[in-house]
PDB file of N, CA and C in Angstrom:
ATOM      1  N   MET A   1       5.007  -3.271  15.359  1.00  0.00           N
ATOM      2  CA  MET A   1       4.302  -2.116  15.801  1.00  0.00           C
ATOM      3  C   MET A   1       3.611  -3.025  17.093  1.00  0.00           C
ATOM      4  N   PRO A   2       3.653  -2.528  18.367  1.00  0.00           N
ATOM      5  CA  PRO A   2       3.095  -3.353  19.546  1.00  0.00           C
ATOM      6  C   PRO A   2       1.638  -3.464  19.211  1.00  0.00           C
ATOM      7  N   ALA A   3       1.085  -4.441  19.706  1.00  0.00           N
ATOM      8  CA  ALA A   3      -0.349  -4.990  19.610  1.00  0.00           C
ATOM      9  C   ALA A   3      -1.273  -4.205  20.404  1.00  0.00           C
ATOM     10  N   SER A   4      -0.648  -3.406  21.345  1.00  0.00           N
ATOM     11  CA  SER A   4      -1.368  -2.662  22.282  1.00  0.00           C
ATOM     12  C   SER A   4      -1.691  -1.300  21.766  1.00  0.00           C
ATOM     13  N   ARG A   5      -0.956  -0.885  20.812  1.00  0.00           N
ATOM     14  CA  ARG A   5      -1.194   0.543  20.160  1.00  0.00           C
ATOM     15  C   ARG A   5      -2.558   0.636  19.252  1.00  0.00           C
ATOM     16  N   LYS A   6      -3.115   1.483  19.677  1.00  0.00           N
ATOM     17  CA  LYS A   6      -4.544   2.001  19.013  1.00  0.00           C
ATOM     18  C   LYS A   6      -4.263   2.532  17.665  1.00  0.00           C
ATOM     19  N   LEU A   7      -4.918   1.892  16.769  1.00  0.00           N
ATOM     20  CA  LEU A   7      -4.954   2.265  15.238  1.00  0.00           C
ATOM     21  C   LEU A   7      -6.289   3.474  15.229  1.00  0.00           C
ATOM     22  N   GLN A   8      -6.016   4.423  14.773  1.00  0.00           N
ATOM     23  CA  GLN A   8      -6.929   5.657  14.557  1.00  0.00           C
ATOM     24  C   GLN A   8      -7.009   5.914  13.147  1.00  0.00           C
ATOM     25  N   VAL A   9      -7.767   7.282  13.033  1.00  0.00           N
ATOM     26  CA  VAL A   9      -8.237   7.691  11.736  1.00  0.00           C
ATOM     27  C   VAL A   9      -7.013   7.844  10.656  1.00  0.00           C
ATOM     28  N   THR A  10      -5.856   8.161  11.058  1.00  0.00           N
ATOM     29  CA  THR A  10      -4.606   8.374  10.383  1.00  0.00           C
ATOM     30  C   THR A  10      -4.349   7.215   9.932  1.00  0.00           C
ATOM     31  N   ASP A  11      -4.065   5.936  10.414  1.00  0.00           N
ATOM     32  CA  ASP A  11      -3.814   4.506  10.705  1.00  0.00           C
ATOM     33  C   ASP A  11      -4.896   4.142   9.418  1.00  0.00           C
ATOM     34  N   ALA A  12      -6.013   4.204   9.578  1.00  0.00           N
ATOM     35  CA  ALA A  12      -7.076   3.745   8.769  1.00  0.00           C
ATOM     36  C   ALA A  12      -6.989   4.595   7.177  1.00  0.00           C
ATOM     37  N   ARG A  13      -6.899   5.623   7.243  1.00  0.00           N
ATOM     38  CA  ARG A  13      -6.133   6.296   5.872  1.00  0.00           C
ATOM     39  C   ARG A  13      -5.040   5.821   5.200  1.00  0.00           C
ATOM     40  N   GLU A  14      -4.108   5.455   5.973  1.00  0.00           N
ATOM     41  CA  GLU A  14      -2.823   4.902   5.360  1.00  0.00           C
ATOM     42  C   GLU A  14      -2.803   3.629   4.901  1.00  0.00           C
ATOM     43  N   LEU A  15      -4.122   2.574   5.625  1.00  0.00           N
ATOM     44  CA  LEU A  15      -4.219   1.522   4.923  1.00  0.00           C
ATOM     45  C   LEU A  15      -4.876   1.750   3.573  1.00  0.00           C
ATOM     46  N   LEU A  16      -5.930   2.594   3.601  1.00  0.00           N
ATOM     47  CA  LEU A  16      -6.670   2.792   2.222  1.00  0.00           C
ATOM     48  C   LEU A  16      -6.049   3.259   1.150  1.00  0.00           C
ATOM     49  N   GLU A  17      -4.800   4.257   1.606  1.00  0.00           N
ATOM     50  CA  GLU A  17      -3.988   4.644   0.376  1.00  0.00           C
ATOM     51  C   GLU A  17      -3.373   3.516  -0.530  1.00  0.00           C
ATOM     52  N   LYS A  18      -3.183   2.419   0.269  1.00  0.00           N
ATOM     53  CA  LYS A  18      -2.520   1.292  -0.613  1.00  0.00           C
ATOM     54  C   LYS A  18      -3.660   0.242  -1.124  1.00  0.00           C
ATOM     55  N   ALA A  19      -4.990   0.509  -0.978  1.00  0.00           N
ATOM     56  CA  ALA A  19      -6.127  -0.059  -1.352  1.00  0.00           C
ATOM     57  C   ALA A  19      -6.717   0.090  -2.354  1.00  0.00           C
ATOM     58  N   SER A  20      -7.671  -0.717  -3.189  1.00  0.00           N
ATOM     59  CA  SER A  20      -8.635   0.033  -4.375  1.00  0.00           C
ATOM     60  C   SER A  20      -9.827  -0.220  -3.740  1.00  0.00           C
ATOM     61  N   ARG A  21     -10.183  -1.307  -2.803  1.00  0.00           N
ATOM     62  CA  ARG A  21     -11.403  -1.699  -2.222  1.00  0.00           C
ATOM     63  C   ARG A  21     -11.329  -1.892  -0.820  1.00  0.00           C
ATOM     64  N   LEU A  22     -12.440  -1.455  -0.180  1.00  0.00           N
ATOM     65  CA  LEU A  22     -12.459  -1.692   1.301  1.00  0.00           C
ATOM     66  C   LEU A  22     -13.954  -2.253   1.687  1.00  0.00           C
ATOM     67  N   ILE A  23     -13.934  -3.341   2.186  1.00  0.00           N
ATOM     68  CA  ILE A  23     -15.371  -4.161   2.430  1.00  0.00           C
ATOM     69  C   ILE A  23     -15.409  -4.013   4.279  1.00  0.00           C
ATOM     70  N   ALA A  24     -16.430  -3.238   4.695  1.00  0.00           N
ATOM     71  CA  ALA A  24     -16.405  -3.014   6.090  1.00  0.00           C
ATOM     72  C   ALA A  24     -17.840  -3.966   6.600  1.00  0.00           C
ATOM     73  N   MET A  25     -17.831  -4.586   7.346  1.00  0.00           N
ATOM     74  CA  MET A  25     -18.686  -5.277   8.015  1.00  0.00           C
ATOM     75  C   MET A  25     -19.165  -5.139   9.437  1.00  0.00           C
ATOM     76  N   LYS A  26     -20.428  -5.251   9.962  1.00  0.00           N
ATOM     77  CA  LYS A  26     -20.807  -5.310  10.973  1.00  0.00           C
ATOM     78  C   LYS A  26     -22.112  -6.224  11.210  1.00  0.00           C
ATOM     79  N   GLY A  27     -21.819  -7.484  11.407  1.00  0.00           N
ATOM     80  CA  GLY A  27     -22.804  -8.679  11.457  1.00  0.00           C
ATOM     81  C   GLY A  27     -23.220  -9.036   9.814  1.00  0.00           C
ATOM     82  N   LYS A  28     -24.188  -8.692   9.761  1.00  0.00           N
ATOM     83  CA  LYS A  28     -25.045  -8.769   8.334  1.00  0.00           C
ATOM     84  C   LYS A  28     -24.950  -7.529   7.429  1.00  0.00           C
ATOM     85  N   LYS A  29     -24.807  -6.447   8.136  1.00  0.00           N
ATOM     86  CA  LYS A  29     -24.455  -5.107   7.204  1.00  0.00           C
ATOM     87  C   LYS A  29     -23.003  -4.913   6.738  1.00  0.00           C
ATOM     88  N   VAL A  30     -23.144  -5.285   5.178  1.00  0.00           N
ATOM     89  CA  VAL A  30     -21.879  -5.140   4.628  1.00  0.00           C
ATOM     90  C   VAL A  30     -21.721  -3.897   3.908  1.00  0.00           C
ATOM     91  N   GLN A  31     -20.377  -3.076   3.833  1.00  0.00           N
ATOM     92  CA  GLN A  31     -20.570  -1.917   2.727  1.00  0.00           C
ATOM     93  C   GLN A  31     -19.161  -2.011   2.054  1.00  0.00           C
ATOM     94  N   GLU A  32     -19.274  -1.667   0.634  1.00  0.00           N
ATOM     95  CA  GLU A  32     -18.277  -1.828  -0.031  1.00  0.00           C
ATOM     96  C   GLU A  32     -17.873  -0.636  -0.700  1.00  0.00           C
ATOM     97  N   PHE A  33     -16.767  -0.229  -0.649  1.00  0.00           N
ATOM     98  CA  PHE A  33     -16.103   1.279  -0.874  1.00  0.00           C
ATOM     99  C   PHE A  33     -15.115   0.836  -2.065  1.00  0.00           C
ATOM    100  N   ALA A  34     -15.317   1.742  -2.835  1.00  0.00           N
ATOM    101  CA  ALA A  34     -13.903   1.805  -4.199  1.00  0.00           C
ATOM    102  C   ALA A  34     -13.242   2.873  -3.696  1.00  0.00           C
ATOM    103  N   VAL A  35     -11.908   2.754  -3.366  1.00  0.00           N
ATOM    104  CA  VAL A  35     -11.184   3.546  -2.629  1.00  0.00           C
ATOM    105  C   VAL A  35      -9.692   3.745  -3.339  1.00  0.00           C
ATOM    106  N   ALA A  36      -9.587   3.378  -4.884  1.00  0.00           N
ATOM    107  CA  ALA A  36      -8.686   3.555  -5.758  1.00  0.00           C
ATOM    108  C   ALA A  36      -8.341   5.091  -5.981  1.00  0.00           C
ATOM    109  N   LYS A  37      -9.360   5.911  -6.371  1.00  0.00           N
ATOM    110  CA  LYS A  37      -9.125   7.022  -6.977  1.00  0.00           C
ATOM    111  C   LYS A  37      -9.008   8.278  -5.581  1.00  0.00           C
ATOM    112  N   SER A  38     -10.057   7.865  -4.653  1.00  0.00           N
ATOM    113  CA  SER A  38     -10.079   9.085  -3.696  1.00  0.00           C
ATOM    114  C   SER A  38     -10.931   8.031  -2.397  1.00  0.00           C
ATOM    115  N   ILE A  39     -10.473   8.653  -1.301  1.00  0.00           N
ATOM    116  CA  ILE A  39     -10.890   8.153   0.030  1.00  0.00           C
ATOM    117  C   ILE A  39     -12.078   8.703   0.565  1.00  0.00           C
ATOM    118  N   PRO A  40     -13.458   8.009   0.400  1.00  0.00           N
ATOM    119  CA  PRO A  40     -14.315   9.326   1.250  1.00  0.00           C
ATOM    120  C   PRO A  40     -14.294   8.820   2.659  1.00  0.00           C
ATOM    121  N   ASP A  41     -14.969  10.089   3.315  1.00  0.00           N
ATOM    122  CA  ASP A  41     -14.808   9.881   4.526  1.00  0.00           C
ATOM    123  C   ASP A  41     -15.865   8.905   5.384  1.00  0.00           C
ATOM    124  N   GLU A  42     -16.831   8.554   4.353  1.00  0.00           N
ATOM    125  CA  GLU A  42     -17.690   7.390   4.910  1.00  0.00           C
ATOM    126  C   GLU A  42     -16.953   6.036   4.914  1.00  0.00           C
ATOM    127  N   ALA A  43     -15.827   5.971   4.151  1.00  0.00           N
ATOM    128  CA  ALA A  43     -15.269   4.568   4.097  1.00  0.00           C
ATOM    129  C   ALA A  43     -14.335   4.573   5.584  1.00  0.00           C
ATOM    130  N   VAL A  44     -13.867   5.718   5.816  1.00  0.00           N
ATOM    131  CA  VAL A  44     -12.850   5.835   6.838  1.00  0.00           C
ATOM    132  C   VAL A  44     -13.542   5.436   8.493  1.00  0.00           C
ATOM    133  N   ALA A  45     -14.881   6.143   8.400  1.00  0.00           N
ATOM    134  CA  ALA A  45     -15.818   6.199   9.317  1.00  0.00           C
ATOM    135  C   ALA A  45     -16.380   4.607   9.500  1.00  0.00           C
ATOM    136  N   ALA A  46     -16.475   3.928   8.252  1.00  0.00           N
ATOM    137  CA  ALA A  46     -17.115   2.581   8.727  1.00  0.00           C
ATOM    138  C   ALA A  46     -16.060   1.683   9.144  1.00  0.00           C
ATOM    139  N   MET A  47     -14.717   1.992   9.004  1.00  0.00           N
ATOM    140  CA  MET A  47     -13.416   1.465   9.700  1.00  0.00           C
ATOM    141  C   MET A  47     -13.232   1.428  11.075  1.00  0.00           C
ATOM    142  N   LEU A  48     -13.971   2.510  11.737  1.00  0.00           N
ATOM    143  CA  LEU A  48     -13.669   2.736  13.013  1.00  0.00           C
ATOM    144  C   LEU A  48     -14.711   2.392  14.012  1.00  0.00           C
ATOM    145  N   GLY A  49     -14.569   1.991  15.146  1.00  0.00           N
ATOM    146  CA  GLY A  49     -15.533   1.387  16.072  1.00  0.00           C
ATOM    147  C   GLY A  49     -15.868   3.004  16.683  1.00  0.00           C
ATOM    148  N   PRO A  50     -16.802   2.682  18.051  1.00  0.00           N
ATOM    149  CA  PRO A  50     -17.352   4.110  18.514  1.00  0.00           C
ATOM    150  C   PRO A  50     -16.356   4.679  19.415  1.00  0.00           C
ATOM    151  N   THR A  51     -15.313   4.035  19.819  1.00  0.00           N
ATOM    152  CA  THR A  51     -14.191   5.160  20.264  1.00  0.00           C
ATOM    153  C   THR A  51     -13.245   5.309  19.580  1.00  0.00           C
ATOM    154  N   GLY A  52     -13.480   5.176  18.304  1.00  0.00           N
ATOM    155  CA  GLY A  52     -12.550   5.917  17.221  1.00  0.00           C
ATOM    156  C   GLY A  52     -11.053   5.270  16.905  1.00  0.00           C
ATOM    157  N   ASN A  53     -11.256   3.972  17.369  1.00  0.00           N
ATOM    158  CA  ASN A  53      -9.900   3.159  16.977  1.00  0.00           C
ATOM    159  C   ASN A  53     -10.559   2.079  15.774  1.00  0.00           C
ATOM    160  N   LEU A  54      -9.603   1.502  15.128  1.00  0.00           N
ATOM    161  CA  LEU A  54      -9.678   0.682  13.961  1.00  0.00           C
ATOM    162  C   LEU A  54     -10.371  -0.730  14.768  1.00  0.00           C
ATOM    163  N   ARG A  55     -11.484  -1.084  13.620  1.00  0.00           N
ATOM    164  CA  ARG A  55     -12.342  -2.292  14.422  1.00  0.00           C
ATOM    165  C   ARG A  55     -11.513  -3.635  13.906  1.00  0.00           C
ATOM    166  N   ALA A  56     -11.867  -4.449  14.769  1.00  0.00           N
ATOM    167  CA  ALA A  56     -11.133  -5.739  14.540  1.00  0.00           C
ATOM    168  C   ALA A  56     -12.135  -6.751  13.924  1.00  0.00           C
ATOM    169  N   PRO A  57     -11.782  -7.712  13.172  1.00  0.00           N
ATOM    170  CA  PRO A  57     -10.563  -7.728  12.923  1.00  0.00           C
ATOM    171  C   PRO A  57     -10.163  -6.910  11.659  1.00  0.00           C
ATOM    172  N   THR A  58      -9.034  -6.481  11.140  1.00  0.00           N
ATOM    173  CA  THR A  58      -8.895  -6.014   9.938  1.00  0.00           C
ATOM    174  C   THR A  58      -7.951  -6.904   9.092  1.00  0.00           C
ATOM    175  N   VAL A  59      -8.087  -7.090   8.141  1.00  0.00           N
ATOM    176  CA  VAL A  59      -7.146  -7.919   7.232  1.00  0.00           C
ATOM    177  C   VAL A  59      -7.168  -7.367   5.738  1.00  0.00           C
ATOM    178  N   VAL A  60      -5.730  -7.412   5.244  1.00  0.00           N
ATOM    179  CA  VAL A  60      -5.585  -6.867   3.802  1.00  0.00           C
ATOM    180  C   VAL A  60      -5.068  -7.881   3.212  1.00  0.00           C
ATOM    181  N   ARG A  61      -5.733  -7.919   1.982  1.00  0.00           N
ATOM    182  CA  ARG A  61      -5.383  -9.144   1.042  1.00  0.00           C
ATOM    183  C   ARG A  61      -5.404  -8.430  -0.333  1.00  0.00           C
ATOM    184  N   GLY A  62      -4.114  -8.363  -0.784  1.00  0.00           N
ATOM    185  CA  GLY A  62      -3.990  -7.514  -1.926  1.00  0.00           C
ATOM    186  C   GLY A  62      -4.206  -6.257  -1.965  1.00  0.00           C
ATOM    187  N   LYS A  63      -5.049  -5.739  -2.589  1.00  0.00           N
ATOM    188  CA  LYS A  63      -5.481  -4.431  -2.569  1.00  0.00           C
ATOM    189  C   LYS A  63      -6.798  -4.290  -2.211  1.00  0.00           C
ATOM    190  N   THR A  64      -7.447  -5.362  -1.265  1.00  0.00           N
ATOM    191  CA  THR A  64      -8.545  -5.235  -0.507  1.00  0.00           C
ATOM    192  C   THR A  64      -8.254  -5.203   1.035  1.00  0.00           C
ATOM    193  N   VAL A  65      -9.079  -4.157   1.553  1.00  0.00           N
ATOM    194  CA  VAL A  65      -9.045  -4.157   3.117  1.00  0.00           C
ATOM    195  C   VAL A  65     -10.165  -4.445   3.637  1.00  0.00           C
ATOM    196  N   LEU A  66     -10.321  -5.660   4.484  1.00  0.00           N
ATOM    197  CA  LEU A  66     -11.920  -6.030   5.143  1.00  0.00           C
ATOM    198  C   LEU A  66     -11.460  -5.832   6.835  1.00  0.00           C
ATOM    199  N   VAL A  67     -12.683  -5.159   7.146  1.00  0.00           N
ATOM    200  CA  VAL A  67     -12.682  -4.546   8.281  1.00  0.00           C
ATOM    201  C   VAL A  67     -14.241  -5.176   9.093  1.00  0.00           C
ATOM    202  N   GLY A  68     -14.014  -5.711  10.375  1.00  0.00           N
ATOM    203  CA  GLY A  68     -15.045  -6.419  10.684  1.00  0.00           C
ATOM    204  C   GLY A  68     -15.007  -7.803  10.468  1.00  0.00           C
ATOM    205  N   PHE A  69     -16.293  -8.533  10.651  1.00  0.00           N
ATOM    206  CA  PHE A  69     -16.488  -9.913  10.399  1.00  0.00           C
ATOM    207  C   PHE A  69     -17.542 -10.227   9.965  1.00  0.00           C
ATOM    208  N   ASN A  70     -17.668 -11.059   8.678  1.00  0.00           N
ATOM    209  CA  ASN A  70     -18.928 -11.745   8.314  1.00  0.00           C
ATOM    210  C   ASN A  70     -18.463 -13.110   7.651  1.00  0.00           C
ATOM    211  N   ASP A  71     -19.061 -14.395   8.257  1.00  0.00           N
ATOM    212  CA  ASP A  71     -18.473 -15.447   7.628  1.00  0.00           C
ATOM    213  C   ASP A  71     -18.388 -15.704   6.318  1.00  0.00           C
ATOM    214  N   GLU A  72     -19.487 -15.257   5.542  1.00  0.00           N
ATOM    215  CA  GLU A  72     -19.848 -15.359   4.311  1.00  0.00           C
ATOM    216  C   GLU A  72     -18.828 -14.546   3.430  1.00  0.00           C
ATOM    217  N   ILE A  73     -18.718 -13.259   3.799  1.00  0.00           N
ATOM    218  CA  ILE A  73     -17.882 -12.520   2.969  1.00  0.00           C
ATOM    219  C   ILE A  73     -16.286 -12.827   3.177  1.00  0.00           C
ATOM    220  N   PHE A  74     -16.096 -13.179   4.460  1.00  0.00           N
ATOM    221  CA  PHE A  74     -14.476 -14.156   4.484  1.00  0.00           C
ATOM    222  C   PHE A  74     -14.396 -14.987   3.908  1.00  0.00           C
ATOM    223  N   THR A  75     -15.203 -16.047   3.765  1.00  0.00           N
ATOM    224  CA  THR A  75     -15.099 -17.358   2.860  1.00  0.00           C
ATOM    225  C   THR A  75     -14.939 -16.977   1.410  1.00  0.00           C
ATOM    226  N   LYS A  76     -15.631 -15.950   0.868  1.00  0.00           N
ATOM    227  CA  LYS A  76     -15.930 -15.537  -0.260  1.00  0.00           C
ATOM    228  C   LYS A  76     -14.457 -14.861  -0.761  1.00  0.00           C
ATOM    229  N   THR A  77     -14.063 -14.065   0.176  1.00  0.00           N
ATOM    230  CA  THR A  77     -12.879 -13.047  -0.350  1.00  0.00           C
ATOM    231  C   THR A  77     -11.702 -13.986   0.157  1.00  0.00           C
ATOM    232  N   LEU A  78     -11.518 -14.585   1.259  1.00  0.00           N
ATOM    233  CA  LEU A  78     -10.245 -15.273   1.414  1.00  0.00           C
ATOM    234  C   LEU A  78     -10.168 -16.603   1.141  1.00  0.00           C
ATOM    235  N   GLY A  79     -11.165 -17.332   0.583  1.00  0.00           N
ATOM    236  CA  GLY A  79     -11.438 -18.563   0.433  1.00  0.00           C
ATOM    237  C   GLY A  79     -10.272 -19.534   0.369  1.00  0.00           C
TER     238      GLY A  79
END
């Protein structure tokens, strides 16, 4: 997939279908969602920026998806 391709709602849902946990970060604001059984609309919305595209960085580690950046969370989760 080319890097110039913008990932949107459908792509975000596809990522979450394979995950059990989403950690969405915007600076100091951190939201965690359990997405193993269902994918709440709030979880998908937390993954998207104001233009409707998937926020960066997006990292998949096992069954956890991290979106956005928070140094403390990245260190703890990706250690």
